[in-house]
């Protein structure tokens, strides 16, 4: 059984786009080579790893044979992981990185391989770490007492087409904020990070979780889906790379609930932007909703208990990507 899915990855080596890797939090790693079929077939390619609590996946765009997965569920549920695994043959086999077999990497929230430098970033609950040697060694570049970070708990990592890296930190406790490291020779280095979501710029304080989405077609536009405690609180938008923010809407309702997260924003929360249209945004909580006007209004796409004329999709939306 796959289990809930917090990580999906489209295999860049397959030019047809038919090969997908997906990770079940309690079910290991899975792969299909025919995602476009009406009934895709999935092969279990890893449920005997020493930890199958897989929550993050990444592939090196400069060497598609190089892949990584990270373990440990950050938002409740299945418990801790045991670090990061690496593949050098396109996912056919995997090796545990010994440098991550420690408490610094017990909860890997996001993995990202830089498209220019091939540096590997691991956003964890103990900070943001970077490896410049394919996982052999790691350096903490953002977090508590590093680069001005006030928390070690990373929530999300986003990369803009101009090369800027965005990080939200402080989930499930305290007050979340957003840091960014601009493009350039020092990108991602210690000291290159700056707080972009100061309260004075229109971003709210006291939010306990923030999920981010940068518009792939316009690096100036960033969306932030915020939560406080159990409920999503609002959708914020910046049109100048995070220098200023505007609240475009409150968290919308869904059928049978006044808030589409129904008290579970600490557990299931996600936002993503259409790759060609920065005004088309999808958010997920218990159900999926879509905006076609930059977040001002929302329409419901799915309903977890069926009926009502909406498509049935199982409850709890953790992660969404565009093909």
C-alpha atoms as a PDB file:
ATOM      1  CA  UNK A   1       0.000   0.000   0.000  1.00  0.00           C
ATOM      2  CA  UNK A   2       1.441   3.346  -0.999  1.00  0.00           C
ATOM      3  CA  UNK A   3       0.067   5.482   1.806  1.00  0.00           C
ATOM      4  CA  UNK A   4      -0.352   9.237   1.679  1.00  0.00           C
ATOM      5  CA  UNK A   5       1.891  10.965  -0.841  1.00  0.00           C
ATOM      6  CA  UNK A   6       4.034  13.953   0.125  1.00  0.00           C
ATOM      7  CA  UNK A   7       6.487  13.687  -2.772  1.00  0.00           C
ATOM      8  CA  UNK A   8       6.006  13.384  -6.549  1.00  0.00           C
ATOM      9  CA  UNK A   9       8.698  13.747  -9.198  1.00  0.00           C
ATOM     10  CA  UNK A  10       8.482  13.775 -12.995  1.00  0.00           C
ATOM     11  CA  UNK A  11      11.500  11.945 -14.410  1.00  0.00           C
ATOM     12  CA  UNK A  12      13.344  14.449 -16.616  1.00  0.00           C
ATOM     13  CA  UNK A  13      15.112  11.595 -18.411  1.00  0.00           C
ATOM     14  CA  UNK A  14      11.832  10.554 -20.034  1.00  0.00           C
ATOM     15  CA  UNK A  15      11.161  13.113 -22.753  1.00  0.00           C
ATOM     16  CA  UNK A  16       7.587  11.821 -23.132  1.00  0.00           C
ATOM     17  CA  UNK A  17       6.737  12.795 -19.555  1.00  0.00           C
ATOM     18  CA  UNK A  18       5.304   9.344 -18.888  1.00  0.00           C
ATOM     19  CA  UNK A  19       7.612   8.346 -16.020  1.00  0.00           C
ATOM     20  CA  UNK A  20       6.694   9.474 -12.509  1.00  0.00           C
ATOM     21  CA  UNK A  21       8.193   8.681  -9.118  1.00  0.00           C
ATOM     22  CA  UNK A  22       5.904   8.939  -6.092  1.00  0.00           C
ATOM     23  CA  UNK A  23       6.643   8.258  -2.444  1.00  0.00           C
ATOM     24  CA  UNK A  24       4.229   6.871   0.106  1.00  0.00           C
ATOM     25  CA  UNK A  25       4.911   8.134   3.611  1.00  0.00           C
ATOM     26  CA  UNK A  26       4.393   4.640   4.994  1.00  0.00           C
ATOM     27  CA  UNK A  27       4.853   2.721   1.751  1.00  0.00           C
ATOM     28  CA  UNK A  28       8.242   3.468   0.243  1.00  0.00           C
ATOM     29  CA  UNK A  29       9.059   4.496  -3.317  1.00  0.00           C
ATOM     30  CA  UNK A  30       6.923   3.803  -6.408  1.00  0.00           C
ATOM     31  CA  UNK A  31       7.320   4.349 -10.144  1.00  0.00           C
ATOM     32  CA  UNK A  32       5.116   4.341 -13.212  1.00  0.00           C
ATOM     33  CA  UNK A  33       6.214   4.580 -16.834  1.00  0.00           C
ATOM     34  CA  UNK A  34       2.711   5.083 -18.255  1.00  0.00           C
ATOM     35  CA  UNK A  35       1.117   7.904 -16.259  1.00  0.00           C
ATOM     36  CA  UNK A  36      -0.870   9.018 -19.322  1.00  0.00           C
ATOM     37  CA  UNK A  37      -2.716   5.688 -19.531  1.00  0.00           C
ATOM     38  CA  UNK A  38      -6.244   5.525 -18.199  1.00  0.00           C
ATOM     39  CA  UNK A  39      -5.042   3.012 -15.608  1.00  0.00           C
ATOM     40  CA  UNK A  40      -1.312   3.552 -14.988  1.00  0.00           C
ATOM     41  CA  UNK A  41       0.630   0.652 -13.519  1.00  0.00           C
ATOM     42  CA  UNK A  42       2.847   1.330 -10.500  1.00  0.00           C
ATOM     43  CA  UNK A  43       5.885  -0.699  -9.490  1.00  0.00           C
ATOM     44  CA  UNK A  44       7.100  -0.749  -5.916  1.00  0.00           C
ATOM     45  CA  UNK A  45      10.824  -0.080  -6.223  1.00  0.00           C
ATOM     46  CA  UNK A  46      11.653   0.314  -2.567  1.00  0.00           C
ATOM     47  CA  UNK A  47       9.785  -0.849   0.524  1.00  0.00           C
ATOM     48  CA  UNK A  48      12.790  -2.567   2.107  1.00  0.00           C
ATOM     49  CA  UNK A  49      14.858   0.531   2.786  1.00  0.00           C
ATOM     50  CA  UNK A  50      15.844   0.881   6.428  1.00  0.00           C
ATOM     51  CA  UNK A  51      13.327   3.746   6.510  1.00  0.00           C
ATOM     52  CA  UNK A  52      10.359   4.003   4.096  1.00  0.00           C
ATOM     53  CA  UNK A  53       8.936   7.252   5.494  1.00  0.00           C
ATOM     54  CA  UNK A  54       9.761   9.117   2.256  1.00  0.00           C
ATOM     55  CA  UNK A  55       8.569  12.733   2.096  1.00  0.00           C
ATOM     56  CA  UNK A  56      10.883  14.482  -0.417  1.00  0.00           C
ATOM     57  CA  UNK A  57      12.228  13.713  -3.907  1.00  0.00           C
ATOM     58  CA  UNK A  58      14.661  15.562  -6.183  1.00  0.00           C
ATOM     59  CA  UNK A  59      16.561  14.983  -9.421  1.00  0.00           C
ATOM     60  CA  UNK A  60      19.640  16.717 -10.761  1.00  0.00           C
ATOM     61  CA  UNK A  61      18.549  18.473 -13.990  1.00  0.00           C
ATOM     62  CA  UNK A  62      22.173  18.449 -15.145  1.00  0.00           C
ATOM     63  CA  UNK A  63      22.542  14.703 -14.607  1.00  0.00           C
ATOM     64  CA  UNK A  64      19.202  12.942 -14.655  1.00  0.00           C
ATOM     65  CA  UNK A  65      20.721   9.706 -13.343  1.00  0.00           C
ATOM     66  CA  UNK A  66      21.331  11.482 -10.027  1.00  0.00           C
ATOM     67  CA  UNK A  67      18.322  11.406  -7.690  1.00  0.00           C
ATOM     68  CA  UNK A  68      17.691  11.860  -3.980  1.00  0.00           C
ATOM     69  CA  UNK A  69      14.924  11.052  -1.525  1.00  0.00           C
ATOM     70  CA  UNK A  70      14.551  12.298   2.039  1.00  0.00           C
ATOM     71  CA  UNK A  71      12.774  10.633   4.926  1.00  0.00           C
ATOM     72  CA  UNK A  72      10.813  11.696   8.027  1.00  0.00           C
ATOM     73  CA  UNK A  73       7.322  13.207   8.020  1.00  0.00           C
ATOM     74  CA  UNK A  74       7.464  16.821   9.193  1.00  0.00           C
ATOM     75  CA  UNK A  75       3.739  17.470   9.611  1.00  0.00           C
ATOM     76  CA  UNK A  76       2.539  14.777  11.972  1.00  0.00           C
ATOM     77  CA  UNK A  77       1.777  11.129  11.432  1.00  0.00           C
ATOM     78  CA  UNK A  78       4.373   8.507  10.623  1.00  0.00           C
ATOM     79  CA  UNK A  79       7.326   9.659  12.705  1.00  0.00           C
ATOM     80  CA  UNK A  80      10.981  10.275  12.016  1.00  0.00           C
ATOM     81  CA  UNK A  81      13.157   9.225   9.119  1.00  0.00           C
ATOM     82  CA  UNK A  82      16.790   8.239   8.813  1.00  0.00           C
ATOM     83  CA  UNK A  83      18.244  10.795   6.439  1.00  0.00           C
ATOM     84  CA  UNK A  84      18.681  10.909   2.666  1.00  0.00           C
ATOM     85  CA  UNK A  85      19.172   8.227  -0.007  1.00  0.00           C
ATOM     86  CA  UNK A  86      20.862   8.741  -3.381  1.00  0.00           C
ATOM     87  CA  UNK A  87      20.632   7.046  -6.771  1.00  0.00           C
ATOM     88  CA  UNK A  88      23.237   7.357  -9.525  1.00  0.00           C
ATOM     89  CA  UNK A  89      21.424   5.190 -12.077  1.00  0.00           C
ATOM     90  CA  UNK A  90      18.106   6.913 -12.590  1.00  0.00           C
ATOM     91  CA  UNK A  91      16.347   5.373  -9.615  1.00  0.00           C
ATOM     92  CA  UNK A  92      17.123   1.711 -10.281  1.00  0.00           C
ATOM     93  CA  UNK A  93      19.059   1.395  -7.016  1.00  0.00           C
ATOM     94  CA  UNK A  94      19.582   3.594  -3.977  1.00  0.00           C
ATOM     95  CA  UNK A  95      22.327   4.121  -1.381  1.00  0.00           C
ATOM     96  CA  UNK A  96      21.907   5.627   2.073  1.00  0.00           C
ATOM     97  CA  UNK A  97      24.085   8.726   2.493  1.00  0.00           C
ATOM     98  CA  UNK A  98      26.018   8.089   5.724  1.00  0.00           C
ATOM     99  CA  UNK A  99      26.484  11.818   6.317  1.00  0.00           C
ATOM    100  CA  UNK A 100      22.717  12.103   6.851  1.00  0.00           C
ATOM    101  CA  UNK A 101      22.257   9.155   9.232  1.00  0.00           C
ATOM    102  CA  UNK A 102      21.852  11.448  12.218  1.00  0.00           C
ATOM    103  CA  UNK A 103      19.302  13.630  13.989  1.00  0.00           C
ATOM    104  CA  UNK A 104      20.001  16.635  11.742  1.00  0.00           C
ATOM    105  CA  UNK A 105      18.257  14.798   8.890  1.00  0.00           C
ATOM    106  CA  UNK A 106      15.538  12.860  10.717  1.00  0.00           C
ATOM    107  CA  UNK A 107      12.846  15.113   9.166  1.00  0.00           C
ATOM    108  CA  UNK A 108      13.519  16.155   5.561  1.00  0.00           C
ATOM    109  CA  UNK A 109      10.793  18.532   4.381  1.00  0.00           C
ATOM    110  CA  UNK A 110      12.053  19.423   0.889  1.00  0.00           C
ATOM    111  CA  UNK A 111      14.943  18.472  -1.409  1.00  0.00           C
ATOM    112  CA  UNK A 112      16.174  20.619  -4.290  1.00  0.00           C
ATOM    113  CA  UNK A 113      19.058  20.273  -6.768  1.00  0.00           C
ATOM    114  CA  UNK A 114      20.177  23.592  -8.190  1.00  0.00           C
ATOM    115  CA  UNK A 115      19.825  23.714 -12.006  1.00  0.00           C
ATOM    116  CA  UNK A 116      23.039  25.741 -12.442  1.00  0.00           C
ATOM    117  CA  UNK A 117      25.433  24.560  -9.734  1.00  0.00           C
ATOM    118  CA  UNK A 118      24.006  21.068  -9.050  1.00  0.00           C
ATOM    119  CA  UNK A 119      24.256  21.894  -5.322  1.00  0.00           C
ATOM    120  CA  UNK A 120      21.861  19.805  -3.236  1.00  0.00           C
ATOM    121  CA  UNK A 121      19.662  21.584  -0.677  1.00  0.00           C
ATOM    122  CA  UNK A 122      17.887  19.768   2.140  1.00  0.00           C
ATOM    123  CA  UNK A 123      15.250  21.709   4.064  1.00  0.00           C
ATOM    124  CA  UNK A 124      14.812  19.899   7.375  1.00  0.00           C
ATOM    125  CA  UNK A 125      13.401  20.507  10.843  1.00  0.00           C
ATOM    126  CA  UNK A 126      16.910  21.356  12.046  1.00  0.00           C
ATOM    127  CA  UNK A 127      17.769  23.899   9.341  1.00  0.00           C
ATOM    128  CA  UNK A 128      18.587  24.301   5.665  1.00  0.00           C
ATOM    129  CA  UNK A 129      21.632  22.302   4.585  1.00  0.00           C
ATOM    130  CA  UNK A 130      23.600  22.433   1.352  1.00  0.00           C
ATOM    131  CA  UNK A 131      25.943  19.897  -0.207  1.00  0.00           C
ATOM    132  CA  UNK A 132      28.332  20.910  -2.965  1.00  0.00           C
ATOM    133  CA  UNK A 133      29.733  17.408  -3.416  1.00  0.00           C
ATOM    134  CA  UNK A 134      26.621  15.291  -4.168  1.00  0.00           C
ATOM    135  CA  UNK A 135      25.843  14.528  -0.539  1.00  0.00           C
ATOM    136  CA  UNK A 136      29.319  13.627   0.703  1.00  0.00           C
ATOM    137  CA  UNK A 137      29.374  16.606   3.092  1.00  0.00           C
ATOM    138  CA  UNK A 138      26.798  19.149   4.253  1.00  0.00           C
ATOM    139  CA  UNK A 139      26.868  22.713   5.559  1.00  0.00           C
ATOM    140  CA  UNK A 140      24.054  24.442   7.426  1.00  0.00           C
ATOM    141  CA  UNK A 141      23.326  27.675   5.551  1.00  0.00           C
ATOM    142  CA  UNK A 142      20.097  28.881   7.188  1.00  0.00           C
ATOM    143  CA  UNK A 143      18.397  28.336  10.521  1.00  0.00           C
ATOM    144  CA  UNK A 144      18.631  29.217  14.164  1.00  0.00           C
ATOM    145  CA  UNK A 145      21.824  31.207  14.787  1.00  0.00           C
ATOM    146  CA  UNK A 146      22.775  30.869  11.103  1.00  0.00           C
ATOM    147  CA  UNK A 147      22.158  33.653   8.559  1.00  0.00           C
ATOM    148  CA  UNK A 148      19.722  35.337  10.958  1.00  0.00           C
ATOM    149  CA  UNK A 149      17.236  32.491  10.970  1.00  0.00           C
ATOM    150  CA  UNK A 150      15.028  32.485  14.064  1.00  0.00           C
ATOM    151  CA  UNK A 151      13.934  28.865  13.717  1.00  0.00           C
ATOM    152  CA  UNK A 152      15.392  25.577  12.517  1.00  0.00           C
ATOM    153  CA  UNK A 153      12.058  24.245  11.253  1.00  0.00           C
ATOM    154  CA  UNK A 154      11.936  24.693   7.483  1.00  0.00           C
ATOM    155  CA  UNK A 155       8.504  24.511   5.828  1.00  0.00           C
ATOM    156  CA  UNK A 156       8.948  25.092   2.104  1.00  0.00           C
ATOM    157  CA  UNK A 157      11.614  25.781  -0.529  1.00  0.00           C
ATOM    158  CA  UNK A 158      10.888  27.489  -3.842  1.00  0.00           C
ATOM    159  CA  UNK A 159      13.158  28.391  -6.740  1.00  0.00           C
ATOM    160  CA  UNK A 160      12.355  31.253  -9.142  1.00  0.00           C
ATOM    161  CA  UNK A 161      13.440  31.352 -12.775  1.00  0.00           C
ATOM    162  CA  UNK A 162      15.703  34.340 -12.042  1.00  0.00           C
ATOM    163  CA  UNK A 163      17.672  32.153  -9.623  1.00  0.00           C
ATOM    164  CA  UNK A 164      16.257  33.402  -6.322  1.00  0.00           C
ATOM    165  CA  UNK A 165      15.701  30.776  -3.617  1.00  0.00           C
ATOM    166  CA  UNK A 166      12.849  31.284  -1.132  1.00  0.00           C
ATOM    167  CA  UNK A 167      12.459  29.523   2.213  1.00  0.00           C
ATOM    168  CA  UNK A 168       9.614  29.624   4.721  1.00  0.00           C
ATOM    169  CA  UNK A 169      10.452  28.565   8.248  1.00  0.00           C
ATOM    170  CA  UNK A 170       8.829  28.122  11.638  1.00  0.00           C
ATOM    171  CA  UNK A 171       6.000  25.670  10.947  1.00  0.00           C
ATOM    172  CA  UNK A 172       3.636  24.309  13.611  1.00  0.00           C
ATOM    173  CA  UNK A 173       4.791  26.723  16.258  1.00  0.00           C
ATOM    174  CA  UNK A 174       6.036  30.249  16.678  1.00  0.00           C
ATOM    175  CA  UNK A 175       5.706  32.824  13.942  1.00  0.00           C
ATOM    176  CA  UNK A 176       6.607  31.826  10.390  1.00  0.00           C
ATOM    177  CA  UNK A 177       8.467  34.105   8.032  1.00  0.00           C
ATOM    178  CA  UNK A 178      10.151  33.971   4.638  1.00  0.00           C
ATOM    179  CA  UNK A 179      13.827  34.269   3.749  1.00  0.00           C
ATOM    180  CA  UNK A 180      15.339  34.640   0.302  1.00  0.00           C
ATOM    181  CA  UNK A 181      18.770  34.327  -1.248  1.00  0.00           C
ATOM    182  CA  UNK A 182      19.153  36.224  -4.522  1.00  0.00           C
ATOM    183  CA  UNK A 183      20.785  34.882  -7.648  1.00  0.00           C
ATOM    184  CA  UNK A 184      24.507  35.318  -8.016  1.00  0.00           C
ATOM    185  CA  UNK A 185      27.848  33.919  -6.964  1.00  0.00           C
ATOM    186  CA  UNK A 186      26.906  33.815  -3.278  1.00  0.00           C
ATOM    187  CA  UNK A 187      23.475  32.275  -3.719  1.00  0.00           C
ATOM    188  CA  UNK A 188      22.609  30.024  -0.817  1.00  0.00           C
ATOM    189  CA  UNK A 189      25.804  30.873   1.082  1.00  0.00           C
ATOM    190  CA  UNK A 190      25.790  31.743   4.761  1.00  0.00           C
ATOM    191  CA  UNK A 191      25.091  35.443   4.969  1.00  0.00           C
ATOM    192  CA  UNK A 192      23.334  35.684   1.608  1.00  0.00           C
ATOM    193  CA  UNK A 193      19.848  35.260   3.104  1.00  0.00           C
ATOM    194  CA  UNK A 194      17.526  38.148   3.909  1.00  0.00           C
ATOM    195  CA  UNK A 195      14.128  38.346   5.560  1.00  0.00           C
ATOM    196  CA  UNK A 196      11.577  39.324   2.967  1.00  0.00           C
ATOM    197  CA  UNK A 197       8.317  39.014   4.903  1.00  0.00           C
ATOM    198  CA  UNK A 198       8.587  41.777   7.468  1.00  0.00           C
ATOM    199  CA  UNK A 199       5.242  42.683   9.020  1.00  0.00           C
ATOM    200  CA  UNK A 200       5.663  46.254   7.790  1.00  0.00           C
ATOM    201  CA  UNK A 201       5.641  45.022   4.182  1.00  0.00           C
ATOM    202  CA  UNK A 202       2.129  43.603   4.524  1.00  0.00           C
ATOM    203  CA  UNK A 203       2.908  40.033   5.547  1.00  0.00           C
ATOM    204  CA  UNK A 204       1.109  38.869   8.704  1.00  0.00           C
ATOM    205  CA  UNK A 205       2.843  37.945  11.939  1.00  0.00           C
ATOM    206  CA  UNK A 206       1.940  35.031  14.163  1.00  0.00           C
ATOM    207  CA  UNK A 207       1.317  32.504  11.385  1.00  0.00           C
ATOM    208  CA  UNK A 208       2.383  28.992  12.298  1.00  0.00           C
ATOM    209  CA  UNK A 209       2.760  27.587   8.781  1.00  0.00           C
ATOM    210  CA  UNK A 210       3.404  29.181   5.386  1.00  0.00           C
ATOM    211  CA  UNK A 211       3.411  27.336   2.055  1.00  0.00           C
ATOM    212  CA  UNK A 212       4.901  29.158  -0.946  1.00  0.00           C
ATOM    213  CA  UNK A 213       4.464  29.122  -4.726  1.00  0.00           C
ATOM    214  CA  UNK A 214       6.507  31.177  -7.187  1.00  0.00           C
ATOM    215  CA  UNK A 215       4.936  31.744 -10.595  1.00  0.00           C
ATOM    216  CA  UNK A 216       7.145  29.866 -13.100  1.00  0.00           C
ATOM    217  CA  UNK A 217       6.282  32.341 -15.857  1.00  0.00           C
ATOM    218  CA  UNK A 218       6.926  35.479 -13.787  1.00  0.00           C
ATOM    219  CA  UNK A 219       9.620  35.478 -11.120  1.00  0.00           C
ATOM    220  CA  UNK A 220       8.196  38.653  -9.569  1.00  0.00           C
ATOM    221  CA  UNK A 221       4.977  36.947  -8.433  1.00  0.00           C
ATOM    222  CA  UNK A 222       4.920  34.852  -5.259  1.00  0.00           C
ATOM    223  CA  UNK A 223       1.934  33.429  -3.407  1.00  0.00           C
ATOM    224  CA  UNK A 224       1.886  32.482   0.257  1.00  0.00           C
ATOM    225  CA  UNK A 225      -0.812  30.297   1.795  1.00  0.00           C
ATOM    226  CA  UNK A 226      -0.795  30.929   5.531  1.00  0.00           C
ATOM    227  CA  UNK A 227      -2.168  29.037   8.513  1.00  0.00           C
ATOM    228  CA  UNK A 228      -2.523  29.703  12.197  1.00  0.00           C
ATOM    229  CA  UNK A 229      -3.087  26.702  14.390  1.00  0.00           C
ATOM    230  CA  UNK A 230      -5.410  24.299  12.630  1.00  0.00           C
ATOM    231  CA  UNK A 231      -6.944  26.501   9.953  1.00  0.00           C
ATOM    232  CA  UNK A 232      -5.659  28.231   6.857  1.00  0.00           C
ATOM    233  CA  UNK A 233      -5.988  31.981   7.336  1.00  0.00           C
ATOM    234  CA  UNK A 234      -5.425  33.588   3.970  1.00  0.00           C
ATOM    235  CA  UNK A 235      -3.693  33.842   0.619  1.00  0.00           C
ATOM    236  CA  UNK A 236      -1.094  36.584   0.176  1.00  0.00           C
ATOM    237  CA  UNK A 237       0.529  37.756  -3.020  1.00  0.00           C
ATOM    238  CA  UNK A 238       3.677  39.674  -3.818  1.00  0.00           C
ATOM    239  CA  UNK A 239       4.323  41.187  -7.231  1.00  0.00           C
ATOM    240  CA  UNK A 240       7.850  42.361  -6.444  1.00  0.00           C
ATOM    241  CA  UNK A 241       9.720  39.259  -5.244  1.00  0.00           C
ATOM    242  CA  UNK A 242       8.523  39.494  -1.671  1.00  0.00           C
ATOM    243  CA  UNK A 243       9.331  43.131  -0.954  1.00  0.00           C
ATOM    244  CA  UNK A 244       5.626  43.868  -0.380  1.00  0.00           C
ATOM    245  CA  UNK A 245       2.599  41.651   0.153  1.00  0.00           C
ATOM    246  CA  UNK A 246      -1.151  42.033  -0.235  1.00  0.00           C
ATOM    247  CA  UNK A 247      -3.813  39.746   1.153  1.00  0.00           C
ATOM    248  CA  UNK A 248      -5.836  38.706  -1.893  1.00  0.00           C
ATOM    249  CA  UNK A 249      -8.386  36.578  -0.040  1.00  0.00           C
ATOM    250  CA  UNK A 250      -9.271  34.861   3.189  1.00  0.00           C
ATOM    251  CA  UNK A 251      -9.032  31.087   3.294  1.00  0.00           C
ATOM    252  CA  UNK A 252     -12.085  29.986   1.289  1.00  0.00           C
ATOM    253  CA  UNK A 253     -14.766  27.544   2.441  1.00  0.00           C
ATOM    254  CA  UNK A 254     -15.503  24.167   0.863  1.00  0.00           C
ATOM    255  CA  UNK A 255     -18.614  22.005   0.822  1.00  0.00           C
ATOM    256  CA  UNK A 256     -19.547  21.098   4.365  1.00  0.00           C
ATOM    257  CA  UNK A 257     -16.853  23.220   6.009  1.00  0.00           C
ATOM    258  CA  UNK A 258     -16.317  26.904   6.645  1.00  0.00           C
ATOM    259  CA  UNK A 259     -12.586  26.559   6.013  1.00  0.00           C
ATOM    260  CA  UNK A 260     -11.226  24.282   3.277  1.00  0.00           C
ATOM    261  CA  UNK A 261      -8.628  22.885   5.706  1.00  0.00           C
ATOM    262  CA  UNK A 262     -11.193  22.078   8.447  1.00  0.00           C
ATOM    263  CA  UNK A 263      -8.700  22.382  11.293  1.00  0.00           C
ATOM    264  CA  UNK A 264      -5.998  20.309   9.571  1.00  0.00           C
ATOM    265  CA  UNK A 265      -3.748  22.997   8.082  1.00  0.00           C
ATOM    266  CA  UNK A 266      -0.933  21.784  10.327  1.00  0.00           C
ATOM    267  CA  UNK A 267      -1.169  18.477   8.445  1.00  0.00           C
ATOM    268  CA  UNK A 268      -2.375  19.032   4.858  1.00  0.00           C
ATOM    269  CA  UNK A 269      -1.715  22.335   3.093  1.00  0.00           C
ATOM    270  CA  UNK A 270      -0.364  23.177  -0.361  1.00  0.00           C
ATOM    271  CA  UNK A 271      -0.385  25.831  -3.075  1.00  0.00           C
ATOM    272  CA  UNK A 272       0.847  25.751  -6.680  1.00  0.00           C
ATOM    273  CA  UNK A 273       0.776  28.073  -9.711  1.00  0.00           C
ATOM    274  CA  UNK A 274       0.103  27.269 -13.360  1.00  0.00           C
ATOM    275  CA  UNK A 275       3.449  27.268 -15.242  1.00  0.00           C
ATOM    276  CA  UNK A 276       2.177  29.544 -18.033  1.00  0.00           C
ATOM    277  CA  UNK A 277      -0.424  31.731 -16.296  1.00  0.00           C
ATOM    278  CA  UNK A 278       0.467  33.399 -12.974  1.00  0.00           C
ATOM    279  CA  UNK A 279      -3.209  34.079 -12.219  1.00  0.00           C
ATOM    280  CA  UNK A 280      -4.192  30.400 -12.095  1.00  0.00           C
ATOM    281  CA  UNK A 281      -3.552  29.011  -8.613  1.00  0.00           C
ATOM    282  CA  UNK A 282      -4.561  25.739  -6.958  1.00  0.00           C
ATOM    283  CA  UNK A 283      -4.701  25.242  -3.200  1.00  0.00           C
ATOM    284  CA  UNK A 284      -5.222  22.037  -1.284  1.00  0.00           C
ATOM    285  CA  UNK A 285      -6.337  21.166   2.216  1.00  0.00           C
ATOM    286  CA  UNK A 286      -9.187  18.726   2.740  1.00  0.00           C
ATOM    287  CA  UNK A 287     -10.343  19.521  -0.802  1.00  0.00           C
ATOM    288  CA  UNK A 288      -8.853  21.216  -3.876  1.00  0.00           C
ATOM    289  CA  UNK A 289      -9.818  24.730  -4.993  1.00  0.00           C
ATOM    290  CA  UNK A 290      -8.749  26.879  -7.929  1.00  0.00           C
ATOM    291  CA  UNK A 291      -8.492  30.590  -8.630  1.00  0.00           C
ATOM    292  CA  UNK A 292      -8.235  32.043 -12.136  1.00  0.00           C
ATOM    293  CA  UNK A 293      -7.859  35.672 -11.037  1.00  0.00           C
ATOM    294  CA  UNK A 294      -4.734  35.677  -8.902  1.00  0.00           C
ATOM    295  CA  UNK A 295      -6.336  34.418  -5.721  1.00  0.00           C
ATOM    296  CA  UNK A 296      -9.188  36.895  -5.414  1.00  0.00           C
ATOM    297  CA  UNK A 297     -11.960  34.280  -5.769  1.00  0.00           C
ATOM    298  CA  UNK A 298     -11.999  30.486  -5.619  1.00  0.00           C
ATOM    299  CA  UNK A 299     -13.969  27.603  -7.103  1.00  0.00           C
ATOM    300  CA  UNK A 300     -14.011  24.130  -5.611  1.00  0.00           C
ATOM    301  CA  UNK A 301     -12.558  21.359  -7.806  1.00  0.00           C
ATOM    302  CA  UNK A 302     -13.023  18.218  -5.714  1.00  0.00           C
ATOM    303  CA  UNK A 303     -15.020  16.828  -2.814  1.00  0.00           C
ATOM    304  CA  UNK A 304     -13.593  14.240  -0.489  1.00  0.00           C
ATOM    305  CA  UNK A 305     -16.877  12.494   0.369  1.00  0.00           C
ATOM    306  CA  UNK A 306     -18.333  12.541  -3.149  1.00  0.00           C
ATOM    307  CA  UNK A 307     -21.633  13.861  -4.446  1.00  0.00           C
ATOM    308  CA  UNK A 308     -22.658  17.450  -5.036  1.00  0.00           C
ATOM    309  CA  UNK A 309     -21.617  17.367  -8.683  1.00  0.00           C
ATOM    310  CA  UNK A 310     -17.891  17.626  -7.896  1.00  0.00           C
ATOM    311  CA  UNK A 311     -15.258  15.027  -8.684  1.00  0.00           C
ATOM    312  CA  UNK A 312     -14.380  12.705  -5.831  1.00  0.00           C
ATOM    313  CA  UNK A 313     -10.756  13.027  -4.682  1.00  0.00           C
ATOM    314  CA  UNK A 314      -9.639  11.490  -1.398  1.00  0.00           C
ATOM    315  CA  UNK A 315      -9.263  13.958   1.467  1.00  0.00           C
ATOM    316  CA  UNK A 316      -6.012  15.580   2.604  1.00  0.00           C
ATOM    317  CA  UNK A 317      -3.992  17.325  -0.109  1.00  0.00           C
ATOM    318  CA  UNK A 318      -0.289  17.372   0.769  1.00  0.00           C
ATOM    319  CA  UNK A 319       1.596  18.136  -2.432  1.00  0.00           C
ATOM    320  CA  UNK A 320       0.801  19.139  -6.014  1.00  0.00           C
ATOM    321  CA  UNK A 321       2.994  19.715  -9.064  1.00  0.00           C
ATOM    322  CA  UNK A 322       2.343  20.764 -12.667  1.00  0.00           C
ATOM    323  CA  UNK A 323       3.520  18.694 -15.602  1.00  0.00           C
END
